[in-house]
Protein backbone atom coordinates (compact mmCIF):
# COMPACT_ATOMS: atom_id res chain seq x y z
CA MET A 1 15.44 -6.25 19.37
CA THR A 2 18.63 -8.20 18.61
CA GLY A 3 20.62 -9.21 21.68
CA ALA A 4 21.26 -6.29 24.06
CA GLN A 5 21.62 -3.60 21.49
CA THR A 6 19.57 -0.48 22.23
CA PRO A 7 17.20 0.39 19.23
CA VAL A 8 17.71 3.83 17.55
CA ALA A 9 14.09 4.41 18.03
CA LEU A 10 11.06 2.71 19.59
CA VAL A 11 7.92 1.63 17.82
CA THR A 12 4.76 1.22 19.90
CA GLN A 13 0.89 1.69 19.52
CA CYS A 14 -1.97 2.56 21.89
CA ASP A 15 -5.67 2.87 21.78
CA VAL A 16 -6.59 6.01 23.69
CA ALA A 17 -10.17 4.79 24.19
CA GLU A 18 -8.81 1.89 26.26
CA GLU A 19 -5.61 3.04 27.99
CA VAL A 20 -2.74 5.51 27.42
CA PRO A 21 0.44 3.65 28.47
CA ALA A 22 3.65 4.94 29.95
CA ILE A 23 6.73 4.68 27.64
CA ALA A 24 9.97 3.75 29.19
CA ALA A 25 13.20 5.19 27.74
CA PRO A 26 16.12 2.79 27.29
CA ARG A 27 18.25 5.98 27.00
CA PRO A 28 17.55 9.73 27.23
CA GLY A 29 16.62 11.49 24.02
CA ILE A 30 15.48 8.38 22.11
CA GLU A 31 12.44 8.82 19.84
CA ALA A 32 9.33 6.70 19.98
CA LEU A 33 6.96 6.33 16.99
CA VAL A 34 3.40 5.75 18.39
CA LEU A 35 0.55 4.56 16.27
CA VAL A 36 -2.49 6.10 17.83
CA ARG A 37 -5.98 4.41 17.71
CA VAL A 38 -9.32 5.38 18.93
CA PHE A 39 -11.85 2.55 19.42
CA GLY A 40 -9.50 0.37 17.27
CA GLU A 41 -9.28 2.79 14.34
CA ALA A 42 -5.76 4.00 13.49
CA ILE A 43 -5.89 7.89 13.30
CA GLY A 44 -2.22 8.81 13.13
CA THR A 45 1.31 8.62 14.31
CA VAL A 46 3.06 10.71 16.91
CA THR A 47 6.82 10.95 17.30
CA LEU A 48 7.88 11.55 20.89
CA THR A 49 11.39 12.50 22.25
CA LEU A 50 11.64 10.67 25.59
CA PRO A 51 13.45 12.27 28.50
CA GLU A 52 15.42 10.27 30.95
CA GLY A 53 13.04 7.97 32.72
CA GLY A 54 10.55 8.09 29.83
CA MET A 55 7.04 9.46 29.84
CA ASP A 56 4.10 8.68 32.15
CA PRO A 57 0.63 8.11 30.73
CA THR A 58 -0.38 11.72 31.44
CA GLN A 59 2.57 13.14 29.43
CA VAL A 60 2.00 10.62 26.61
CA ALA A 61 -1.68 11.58 26.53
CA ALA A 62 -0.89 15.39 26.38
CA ALA A 63 1.66 14.76 23.49
CA ILE A 64 -0.94 12.79 21.52
CA VAL A 65 -3.47 15.55 22.07
CA ALA A 66 -1.12 18.29 20.97
CA GLU A 67 -0.44 16.36 17.66
CA LEU A 68 -3.84 14.87 16.77
CA GLU A 69 -6.47 16.97 18.50
CA PRO A 70 -8.70 17.47 15.35
CA ALA A 71 -8.89 13.76 14.68
CA LEU A 72 -9.55 12.94 18.43
CA ARG A 73 -12.25 15.61 18.64
CA GLU A 74 -14.10 14.09 15.59
CA ARG A 75 -13.91 10.46 16.90
CA PHE A 76 -15.11 11.41 20.33
CA GLU A 77 -18.01 13.54 19.10
CA GLN A 78 -19.11 10.75 16.69
CA CYS A 79 -19.70 8.33 19.50
CA GLY A 80 -21.45 10.97 21.81
CA LEU A 81 -18.55 11.96 24.03
CA ALA A 82 -18.02 15.67 24.76
CA TRP A 83 -14.42 16.57 23.93
CA SER A 84 -12.67 18.20 26.79
CA GLY A 85 -9.35 18.78 25.16
CA GLU A 86 -7.77 16.11 27.27
CA LEU A 87 -7.41 12.40 27.21
CA ALA A 88 -8.11 10.19 30.30
CA PRO A 89 -5.17 7.78 30.63
CA GLY A 90 -7.51 5.03 31.82
CA GLY A 91 -9.65 5.23 28.65
CA VAL A 92 -13.33 6.08 28.09
CA THR A 93 -16.63 4.23 27.59
CA PRO A 94 -18.64 5.60 24.63
CA PRO A 95 -22.42 6.04 25.05
CA GLN A 96 -23.07 5.07 21.52
CA THR A 97 -21.38 3.02 18.81
CA PRO A 98 -18.66 4.96 17.02
CA ARG A 99 -19.62 5.61 13.35
CA PHE A 100 -16.63 3.76 11.80
CA LEU A 101 -17.53 0.60 14.02
CA ALA A 102 -21.06 0.82 12.68
CA SER A 103 -19.71 1.07 9.19
CA ARG A 104 -17.34 -1.87 9.71
CA GLU A 105 -20.41 -4.03 10.77
CA ARG A 106 -22.12 -3.22 7.42
CA VAL A 107 -18.85 -4.01 5.61
CA LEU A 108 -18.71 -7.44 7.21
CA THR A 109 -22.19 -8.20 5.91
CA ASP A 110 -21.95 -6.44 2.47
CA GLY A 111 -18.30 -6.46 1.65
CA PRO A 112 -16.85 -8.13 -1.59
CA ARG A 113 -15.44 -11.57 -1.88
CA MET A 114 -11.59 -11.15 -1.76
CA THR A 115 -8.55 -13.14 -2.58
CA VAL A 116 -5.31 -12.01 -0.76
CA VAL A 117 -2.37 -12.83 -2.97
CA ILE A 118 1.08 -13.10 -1.36
CA CYS A 119 3.87 -13.40 -3.92
CA THR A 120 7.12 -14.83 -2.49
CA HIS A 121 10.62 -15.93 -3.45
CA GLY A 122 12.64 -17.85 -0.97
CA ARG A 123 11.56 -16.31 2.34
CA PRO A 124 9.80 -18.97 4.24
CA ASP A 125 10.46 -17.63 7.69
CA THR A 126 8.84 -14.18 7.00
CA LEU A 127 6.10 -15.78 4.86
CA GLU A 128 4.86 -17.85 7.74
CA ALA A 129 4.26 -14.69 9.89
CA ALA A 130 2.51 -12.97 7.03
CA LEU A 131 0.27 -15.89 6.43
CA ARG A 132 -0.72 -16.27 9.99
CA SER A 133 -1.76 -12.56 10.01
CA VAL A 134 -3.99 -13.02 6.96
CA CYS A 135 -5.45 -16.27 8.41
CA ALA A 136 -6.41 -14.17 11.53
CA GLN A 137 -8.34 -11.58 9.71
CA HIS A 138 -11.90 -10.78 11.08
CA TYR A 139 -13.31 -10.95 7.53
CA GLU A 140 -15.03 -14.11 6.33
CA ARG A 141 -15.28 -13.71 2.54
CA LEU A 142 -11.53 -14.11 2.21
CA GLY A 143 -9.36 -16.57 0.47
CA ILE A 144 -5.55 -16.78 0.37
CA LEU A 145 -3.27 -17.51 -2.58
CA VAL A 146 0.43 -17.87 -2.26
CA ILE A 147 2.35 -17.51 -5.59
CA ASP A 148 5.85 -19.15 -5.32
CA ASN A 149 7.96 -17.24 -7.86
CA ALA A 150 10.84 -19.11 -9.54
CA PRO A 151 11.27 -21.41 -6.44
CA THR A 152 14.60 -23.17 -6.05
CA ASP A 153 13.34 -25.60 -3.24
CA ASP A 154 10.04 -26.72 -1.61
CA SER A 155 10.38 -24.49 1.46
CA THR A 156 7.48 -22.22 0.62
CA ARG A 157 5.18 -25.09 -0.27
CA ARG A 158 6.00 -26.70 3.17
CA VAL A 159 5.14 -23.51 4.91
CA VAL A 160 1.71 -23.30 3.06
CA GLU A 161 1.13 -27.04 3.83
CA SER A 162 1.75 -26.47 7.66
CA LEU A 163 -0.80 -23.75 7.87
CA ALA A 164 -3.43 -25.46 5.83
CA ALA A 165 -5.68 -25.98 8.88
CA GLU A 166 -5.72 -22.24 9.82
CA GLY A 167 -7.31 -20.83 6.66
CA ASP A 168 -8.34 -21.15 3.01
CA ILE A 169 -4.90 -21.10 1.53
CA ARG A 170 -4.01 -22.21 -1.95
CA TYR A 171 -0.51 -22.58 -3.46
CA ALA A 172 0.77 -22.04 -7.01
CA VAL A 173 4.01 -21.67 -8.89
CA GLU A 174 5.02 -18.98 -11.33
CA PRO A 175 8.24 -20.19 -12.94
CA ARG A 176 9.18 -16.93 -14.68
CA ALA A 177 11.29 -14.79 -12.23
CA GLY A 178 9.72 -11.38 -11.50
CA LEU A 179 7.17 -9.93 -9.23
CA SER A 180 4.92 -8.83 -12.02
CA TRP A 181 4.73 -12.33 -13.52
CA ALA A 182 3.68 -13.59 -10.04
CA ARG A 183 1.13 -10.77 -9.64
CA ASN A 184 -0.39 -11.59 -12.98
CA ARG A 185 -0.47 -15.34 -12.12
CA GLY A 186 -2.30 -14.40 -8.98
CA ILE A 187 -4.85 -12.39 -10.97
CA ALA A 188 -5.44 -15.49 -13.20
CA LEU A 189 -6.14 -17.79 -10.20
CA ALA A 190 -7.79 -15.41 -7.70
CA GLU A 191 -11.50 -16.01 -6.83
CA GLY A 192 -13.97 -13.22 -6.05
CA ASP A 193 -14.51 -9.64 -7.15
CA VAL A 194 -11.39 -8.21 -5.50
CA VAL A 195 -7.74 -9.19 -5.62
CA ALA A 196 -5.55 -7.90 -2.75
CA TRP A 197 -1.77 -7.97 -2.19
CA VAL A 198 0.44 -7.83 0.79
CA ASP A 199 4.23 -8.61 0.88
CA ASP A 200 5.75 -11.74 2.39
CA ASP A 201 7.61 -9.81 5.07
CA GLU A 202 4.64 -7.98 6.61
CA VAL A 203 2.03 -8.63 9.33
CA CYS A 204 -1.53 -7.37 8.79
CA ASP A 205 -3.73 -5.77 11.37
CA PRO A 206 -6.62 -8.11 12.31
CA TRP A 207 -9.10 -5.78 10.75
CA TRP A 208 -6.90 -5.00 7.63
CA ALA A 209 -9.15 -6.98 5.15
CA ALA A 210 -12.36 -5.43 6.55
CA GLU A 211 -10.85 -1.96 6.15
CA ILE A 212 -9.76 -2.67 2.58
CA ALA A 213 -13.35 -3.89 1.88
CA ARG A 214 -14.65 -0.65 3.64
CA GLY A 215 -13.01 1.47 0.91
CA PHE A 216 -14.81 -0.56 -1.89
CA VAL A 217 -18.11 -0.36 -0.01
CA GLU A 218 -18.15 3.27 1.19
CA VAL A 219 -16.79 4.94 -2.03
CA ALA A 220 -19.01 4.43 -5.02
CA GLY A 221 -17.19 3.25 -8.07
CA ALA A 222 -13.95 2.40 -6.30
CA ASP A 223 -11.65 0.37 -8.62
CA ALA A 224 -8.71 0.05 -6.22
CA VAL A 225 -8.07 0.51 -2.53
CA THR A 226 -4.66 1.10 -0.83
CA GLY A 227 -3.69 1.17 2.65
CA THR A 228 -0.94 2.30 5.17
CA VAL A 229 2.38 0.65 5.84
CA VAL A 230 4.02 1.35 9.22
CA PRO A 231 7.35 -0.02 10.49
CA SER A 232 7.42 -3.01 12.78
CA GLU A 233 10.69 -1.78 14.32
CA LEU A 234 13.29 0.94 14.14
CA GLU A 235 16.33 -0.74 15.67
CA THR A 236 19.14 0.19 13.23
CA PRO A 237 20.15 3.52 11.67
CA SER A 238 19.24 2.06 8.29
CA GLN A 239 15.83 1.33 9.31
CA LEU A 240 15.36 4.89 10.53
CA PHE A 241 16.73 6.34 7.41
CA PHE A 242 14.32 4.16 5.28
CA GLU A 243 11.50 5.42 7.49
CA GLN A 244 12.54 9.06 6.82
CA TYR A 245 12.72 8.41 3.12
CA GLY A 246 9.61 6.53 2.50
CA SER A 247 7.45 6.60 5.65
CA VAL A 248 3.70 6.97 6.13
CA ARG A 249 4.45 10.43 7.64
CA ARG A 250 6.09 11.56 4.35
CA HIS A 251 3.22 10.12 2.26
CA ARG A 252 -0.45 10.62 3.03
CA GLY A 253 -0.82 10.15 6.76
CA PHE A 254 -4.14 9.00 8.08
CA THR A 255 -6.70 10.97 5.99
CA ARG A 256 -8.74 9.09 3.41
CA ALA A 257 -8.17 10.30 -0.09
CA VAL A 258 -10.00 9.53 -3.34
CA PHE A 259 -8.27 9.90 -6.78
CA SER A 260 -10.33 9.93 -9.98
CA PRO A 261 -10.72 12.04 -13.16
CA ALA A 262 -12.28 14.66 -10.95
CA THR A 263 -9.11 15.10 -8.93
CA ARG A 264 -6.59 15.07 -11.95
CA HIS A 265 -6.16 18.85 -11.49
CA LEU A 266 -5.02 18.40 -7.93
CA GLN A 267 -2.51 15.61 -8.64
CA SER A 268 -1.64 14.22 -12.01
CA PRO A 269 -1.87 10.44 -12.44
CA LEU A 270 1.60 10.61 -13.91
CA TYR A 271 3.03 12.12 -10.68
CA PRO A 272 2.75 9.74 -7.85
CA LEU A 273 4.26 12.02 -5.13
CA PRO A 274 2.88 11.47 -2.56
CA PRO A 275 2.10 7.95 -3.87
CA PHE A 276 -1.43 6.85 -4.68
CA GLY A 277 -0.62 3.65 -2.87
CA ILE A 278 2.12 1.02 -2.44
CA GLY A 279 2.17 -2.64 -3.70
CA ALA A 280 2.72 -3.96 -0.14
CA ASN A 281 -0.86 -2.98 0.67
CA MET A 282 -3.29 -2.67 -2.28
CA ALA A 283 -6.35 -4.27 -3.82
CA PHE A 284 -8.04 -3.98 -7.27
CA ARG A 285 -11.38 -5.07 -8.54
CA ARG A 286 -10.80 -7.79 -11.07
CA GLU A 287 -12.46 -5.90 -13.87
CA ALA A 288 -10.08 -2.91 -13.23
CA LEU A 289 -7.10 -5.20 -13.57
CA GLN A 290 -8.43 -6.53 -16.81
CA ARG A 291 -8.98 -3.05 -18.09
CA ILE A 292 -5.27 -2.00 -17.64
CA GLY A 293 -3.85 -5.32 -18.88
CA GLY A 294 -2.48 -6.41 -15.50
CA PHE A 295 1.05 -5.59 -14.40
CA ASP A 296 3.95 -4.63 -16.60
CA CYS A 297 6.33 -7.59 -16.53
CA ALA A 298 9.19 -5.27 -17.33
CA LEU A 299 8.78 -3.68 -13.95
CA GLY A 300 9.11 -4.92 -10.43
CA ALA A 301 11.27 -7.04 -8.18
CA GLY A 302 13.10 -9.78 -9.97
CA THR A 303 13.83 -7.68 -13.09
CA MET A 304 16.56 -5.10 -13.85
CA THR A 305 14.09 -2.28 -13.09
CA ARG A 306 13.69 -3.54 -9.50
CA THR A 307 10.41 -1.79 -8.57
CA ALA A 308 7.44 0.38 -9.72
CA GLU A 309 5.05 -2.26 -11.20
CA ASP A 310 2.62 -1.20 -8.38
CA THR A 311 2.99 2.52 -9.30
CA ALA A 312 2.61 1.92 -13.03
CA ALA A 313 -0.58 -0.10 -12.41
CA LEU A 314 -2.15 2.60 -10.24
CA SER A 315 -1.29 5.35 -12.57
CA ALA A 316 -2.60 3.40 -15.52
CA LEU A 317 -5.79 2.86 -13.87
CA LEU A 318 -6.15 6.59 -13.27
CA LEU A 319 -5.30 7.33 -16.86
CA ALA A 320 -8.06 4.91 -17.85
CA GLY A 321 -10.61 6.91 -15.81
CA GLY A 322 -10.51 4.69 -12.79
CA THR A 323 -11.04 5.61 -9.05
CA ILE A 324 -8.56 4.79 -6.28
CA VAL A 325 -9.26 5.04 -2.59
CA TYR A 326 -6.50 5.50 -0.03
CA GLN A 327 -7.95 3.90 3.13
CA PRO A 328 -5.49 4.64 5.93
CA THR A 329 -7.19 2.50 8.41
CA ALA A 330 -6.15 -0.67 6.43
CA VAL A 331 -2.77 -1.05 8.18
CA VAL A 332 0.13 -3.48 7.67
CA HIS A 333 3.39 -3.68 9.56
CA HIS A 334 6.68 -3.99 7.72
CA THR A 335 10.17 -4.61 8.82
CA ASN A 336 12.46 -2.26 7.04
CA ARG A 337 16.01 -3.13 5.85
CA ARG A 338 18.38 -3.38 8.88
CA ASP A 339 21.76 -3.31 6.99
CA SER A 340 23.11 -0.21 5.41
CA GLY A 341 24.37 -2.09 2.31
CA VAL A 342 21.01 -3.56 1.75
CA LEU A 343 19.43 -0.02 2.16
CA HIS A 344 21.91 1.38 -0.44
CA ASP A 345 20.94 -1.28 -2.87
CA HIS A 346 17.26 -0.72 -2.07
CA LEU A 347 17.42 3.05 -2.75
CA LEU A 348 19.31 2.38 -5.96
CA GLY A 349 16.52 0.06 -7.04
CA HIS A 350 13.83 2.70 -6.05
CA GLY A 351 15.64 5.18 -8.37
CA ARG A 352 15.81 2.63 -11.18
CA GLY A 353 12.09 1.81 -10.74
CA LEU A 354 11.10 5.52 -10.78
CA GLY A 355 13.13 6.06 -14.04
CA ALA A 356 11.71 2.80 -15.54
CA PHE A 357 8.11 3.94 -14.45
CA TYR A 358 8.32 7.08 -16.55
CA THR A 359 9.72 5.22 -19.46
CA SER A 360 6.99 2.65 -19.21
CA MET A 361 4.42 5.41 -19.35
CA LEU A 362 5.89 6.84 -22.50
CA VAL A 363 6.01 3.33 -24.12
CA ARG A 364 2.58 2.16 -23.13
CA HIS A 365 0.77 5.51 -23.10
CA PRO A 366 2.56 7.68 -25.73
CA GLY A 367 -0.18 10.29 -25.49
CA CYS A 368 1.06 11.36 -22.02
CA VAL A 369 4.34 12.95 -23.38
CA VAL A 370 2.94 16.48 -23.20
CA GLU A 371 1.88 16.14 -19.68
CA LEU A 372 5.17 14.53 -18.63
CA LEU A 373 7.03 17.47 -20.13
CA ARG A 374 4.86 19.83 -18.13
CA LEU A 375 5.70 17.95 -14.92
CA THR A 376 9.46 17.97 -15.51
CA PRO A 377 10.35 21.18 -13.67
CA GLN A 378 8.34 20.12 -10.59
CA ALA A 379 9.89 16.64 -10.63
CA LEU A 380 13.34 18.21 -10.66
CA ARG A 381 12.49 20.51 -7.86
CA ASP A 382 11.21 17.60 -5.71
CA GLN A 383 14.01 15.37 -6.51
CA PHE A 384 16.95 17.73 -6.09
CA SER A 385 15.88 20.67 -3.85
CA SER A 386 16.17 20.49 -0.10
CA ARG A 387 12.72 22.32 -0.09
CA GLY A 388 11.24 19.73 -2.43
CA ARG A 389 8.54 17.20 -1.18
CA ARG A 390 10.97 14.27 -1.45
CA LEU A 391 13.72 15.75 0.68
CA ALA A 392 12.06 18.32 2.98
CA THR A 393 11.31 15.80 5.76
CA ARG A 394 14.70 13.96 5.82
CA ASP A 395 17.01 14.46 8.81
CA GLN A 396 20.18 16.32 8.15
CA ALA A 397 22.15 13.18 9.21
CA PHE A 398 20.48 11.25 6.25
CA PRO A 399 23.57 9.93 4.24
CA ARG A 400 24.23 11.78 1.02
CA GLU A 401 25.49 8.55 -0.53
CA LEU A 402 22.08 7.08 -0.26
CA LEU A 403 20.62 10.02 -2.16
CA MET A 404 23.27 9.66 -4.71
CA ALA A 405 22.45 5.99 -5.05
CA ASN A 406 18.86 6.85 -5.76
CA ARG A 407 19.76 9.36 -8.37
CA ILE A 408 22.10 7.06 -10.20
CA GLY A 409 19.38 4.50 -10.19
CA LEU A 410 16.98 7.14 -11.70
CA LEU A 411 19.33 7.66 -14.59
CA GLN A 412 19.65 3.89 -15.17
CA GLY A 413 15.96 3.31 -15.10
CA PRO A 414 15.23 4.00 -18.89
CA PHE A 415 18.06 1.68 -20.08
CA MET A 416 17.03 -1.07 -17.55
CA TYR A 417 13.42 -0.82 -18.69
CA ALA A 418 14.45 -1.36 -22.40
CA ARG A 419 16.41 -4.45 -21.40
CA ALA A 420 13.68 -5.81 -19.02
CA ARG A 421 11.01 -5.27 -21.68
CA ALA A 422 13.01 -7.29 -24.30
CA ARG A 423 13.46 -10.03 -21.71
CA ALA A 424 9.87 -10.11 -20.80
CA ARG A 425 8.91 -10.33 -24.46
CA ARG A 426 11.24 -13.41 -24.90
CA LEU A 427 9.69 -15.13 -21.88
CA ARG A 428 6.25 -14.51 -23.14
CA ASP A 429 7.15 -15.92 -26.53
CA LEU A 430 8.70 -19.05 -25.02
CA ALA A 431 5.60 -19.60 -22.90
CA ALA A 432 3.53 -19.34 -26.09
CA GLU A 433 5.64 -21.91 -27.85
CA ALA A 434 5.60 -24.43 -24.97
């Protein structure tokens, strides 16, 4: 929290197998977003409206049961505990090892060698926290690679050097500005079978890497694994609006999902709503990245299109017959934008990225034009109807000007993609000549 300002909402977490805490309310009616775990495994989030004086452990436990009873019942029965329909605020002791913990032990033995790539540009303060969280992972077959994208000083290098004793961290520079250039540089330098990414303003759960690896180990033929992003704080209205627009609750929640050619009739690879994953928490097998040609350098942060290089890569993988696993137990914590002006710009960029994404699909995969035409009516409903999947969960107080910024960006996307693609071609030609 900044100064004495009261946050617009609270963010906390609890493991109901250990202890259900009381939650104090800085003011009556404030909401609390609670990340709920059972024996360390994240199973869902619960939003509580706190009365004056907050909630005691019994009240919090009852609210968690009301929202997440099926998941709680399953986890308790897996470890030999009879489900009574209630949670003991003081926690429980399982008579046998929970199934997911036994699975995790197998992953720690059999999981793939992984390189975690953090692409960064001029954010040494947040980068340090991100790196410390990756260094603290309970997964031994892990290397870390920091890609300094178009640096203007040596601050990123100094952060990496200061943490050299804490983990296997390598440093490299990608001089061409753009997240996709940096991601592709990371692919070229990564070691091991799997290349994973987190953002430079995130903090990873200590078991994040093990849970990413679990997706690869437990799902035969997995080419990519994506995880969950939850907010670190909700202190300002802008952070709350961003959570409403792009939160884990709007996306896939905490149920594992597998996408492949067999699921194409359920969700088209060309229609990532809900998303198949997010670039802030994703991993690919190296062979799968080579199959799709890496990331489109006309998409992503640092270009005029602003975003969507991750969406395009995941969709391209599905179009190529690949398999993606959404592994919700792989959790990272992200600090959303605090300032309303930054949020406005961010949603404009998201709109541009979406428009650019569809343009890139037409350019790079021209055979998909028929399916895109088929999806157009659904896309228009979801984008503009209050009952559509994009807008149905937003609060009535969500500023209309933010929605308008997003739609303006959507219209700009195709033109921005054409310009960004021409720029990427020039940069590639210059590199070839050097």
